[in-house]
Protein backbone atom coordinates (compact mmCIF):
# COMPACT_ATOMS: atom_id res chain seq x y z
CA MET A 1 51.89 -3.47 -0.76
CA LEU A 2 50.88 -0.42 -2.72
CA LYS A 3 51.87 3.02 -1.60
CA GLU A 4 49.23 5.63 -0.91
CA GLU A 5 50.21 7.57 -4.02
CA GLU A 6 49.76 4.50 -6.25
CA ILE A 7 46.39 3.76 -4.68
CA ARG A 8 45.27 7.35 -5.27
CA LYS A 9 46.30 7.07 -8.95
CA LYS A 10 44.28 3.86 -9.31
CA ILE A 11 41.23 5.44 -7.68
CA LYS A 12 41.47 8.47 -10.00
CA ALA A 13 41.71 6.16 -13.02
CA LEU A 14 38.69 4.24 -11.75
CA LYS A 15 36.78 7.51 -11.29
CA ARG A 16 37.61 8.55 -14.87
CA PHE A 17 36.40 5.17 -16.10
CA TYR A 18 33.09 5.54 -14.24
CA LEU A 19 32.64 9.01 -15.73
CA ASP A 20 33.31 7.55 -19.19
CA VAL A 21 30.62 4.91 -18.59
CA ILE A 22 28.15 7.63 -17.54
CA ASN A 23 29.01 9.67 -20.65
CA PHE A 24 28.61 6.54 -22.78
CA ALA A 25 25.12 5.94 -21.40
CA ILE A 26 23.97 9.55 -21.74
CA VAL A 27 25.32 10.16 -25.25
CA ASN A 28 24.09 6.85 -26.61
CA GLY A 29 20.70 7.37 -24.95
CA ILE A 30 20.41 10.71 -26.74
CA LEU A 31 21.48 9.15 -30.05
CA ILE A 32 18.87 6.41 -29.67
CA LEU A 33 16.20 9.01 -28.86
CA ILE A 34 17.18 10.95 -32.00
CA TRP A 35 16.94 7.76 -34.04
CA LEU A 36 13.54 6.91 -32.54
CA THR A 37 12.23 10.43 -33.12
CA PHE A 38 13.39 11.05 -36.67
CA ASP A 39 14.46 7.84 -38.37
CA LYS A 40 13.05 4.72 -36.72
CA THR A 41 12.15 3.13 -40.05
CA GLY A 42 15.73 3.26 -41.32
CA THR A 43 18.69 1.25 -40.13
CA PHE A 44 19.65 1.51 -36.48
CA TRP A 45 22.70 3.72 -37.02
CA PRO A 46 23.48 4.29 -33.30
CA LYS A 47 24.68 0.68 -33.18
CA TYR A 48 27.98 1.73 -34.71
CA VAL A 49 28.63 4.28 -31.97
CA LEU A 50 27.51 1.78 -29.31
CA LEU A 51 29.77 -0.95 -30.67
CA ILE A 52 32.93 1.07 -31.20
CA TRP A 53 32.64 3.09 -27.99
CA GLY A 54 31.69 -0.05 -26.05
CA ILE A 55 34.79 -1.89 -27.26
CA LEU A 56 36.95 1.10 -26.33
CA LEU A 57 35.39 1.14 -22.85
CA VAL A 58 36.19 -2.54 -22.37
CA PHE A 59 39.83 -1.90 -23.36
CA LYS A 60 39.99 1.05 -20.99
CA ALA A 61 38.48 -1.03 -18.18
CA TYR A 62 41.12 -3.70 -18.78
CA ARG A 63 43.91 -1.14 -18.85
CA THR A 64 42.81 0.55 -15.62
CA GLY A 65 42.15 -2.75 -13.87
CA SER A 66 38.41 -2.08 -13.64
CA ILE A 67 37.54 -5.08 -15.79
CA TYR A 68 37.77 -7.30 -12.72
CA LEU A 69 34.90 -5.36 -11.18
CA ILE A 70 32.79 -6.30 -14.17
CA PHE A 71 34.11 -9.84 -14.63
CA PRO A 72 35.65 -11.07 -11.39
CA ARG A 73 38.87 -12.98 -11.89
CA LYS A 74 38.44 -16.66 -11.17
CA ASP A 75 41.14 -19.26 -11.20
CA PHE A 76 39.39 -21.96 -13.13
CA LEU A 77 40.39 -24.55 -15.64
CA ASN A 78 43.79 -24.99 -14.05
CA ARG A 79 45.15 -27.91 -12.05
CA ASN A 80 44.42 -26.40 -8.63
CA TRP A 81 40.83 -25.67 -9.61
CA GLU A 82 40.39 -29.22 -10.86
CA GLU A 83 41.71 -30.75 -7.64
CA LYS A 84 39.59 -28.44 -5.52
CA LYS A 85 36.44 -29.40 -7.41
CA VAL A 86 37.21 -33.11 -7.13
CA ARG A 87 37.58 -32.82 -3.35
CA GLU A 88 34.45 -30.70 -3.12
CA LEU A 89 32.36 -33.25 -5.01
CA LEU A 90 33.82 -36.14 -3.04
CA ARG A 91 32.93 -34.39 0.21
CA LYS A 92 29.41 -33.75 -0.99
CA GLN A 93 28.97 -37.40 -1.84
CA HIS A 94 30.53 -38.45 1.47
CA ILE A 95 32.90 -40.82 -0.31
CA HIS A 96 35.85 -39.33 1.52
CA PRO A 97 35.06 -37.21 4.58
CA LYS A 98 38.18 -35.11 4.24
CA ILE A 99 40.99 -35.24 1.76
CA PRO A 100 44.08 -33.33 2.85
CA PRO A 101 45.05 -30.45 0.55
CA SER A 102 47.79 -31.07 -1.96
CA LYS A 103 51.29 -29.64 -1.51
CA LYS A 104 50.62 -27.00 -4.15
CA GLU A 105 47.63 -25.61 -2.25
CA LYS A 106 49.57 -25.56 1.01
CA GLU A 107 52.16 -23.32 -0.63
CA LYS A 108 49.49 -20.69 -1.37
């Protein structure tokens, strides 16, 4: 269990991340408008800012634990997932009405 102080720190970090995403959108929107207004025939130079800042935001999201809000963590491609899918498909096909869970899943 997390203490209240730790939870407050995580929420503050999440708030800072959200503010960074808002700043990212505003600044890059302005840069794209500048490009559209003055130099739309040239190369799309705001892509460099978008790419670098976007990568930094992804790293920050991972560091603060916010990445799982964007890409939910799924336990797939492991042995438990494989067994679960096999049972699920067997139930759908009515080959086996119910297969008892394995010992590993009971431990969870």
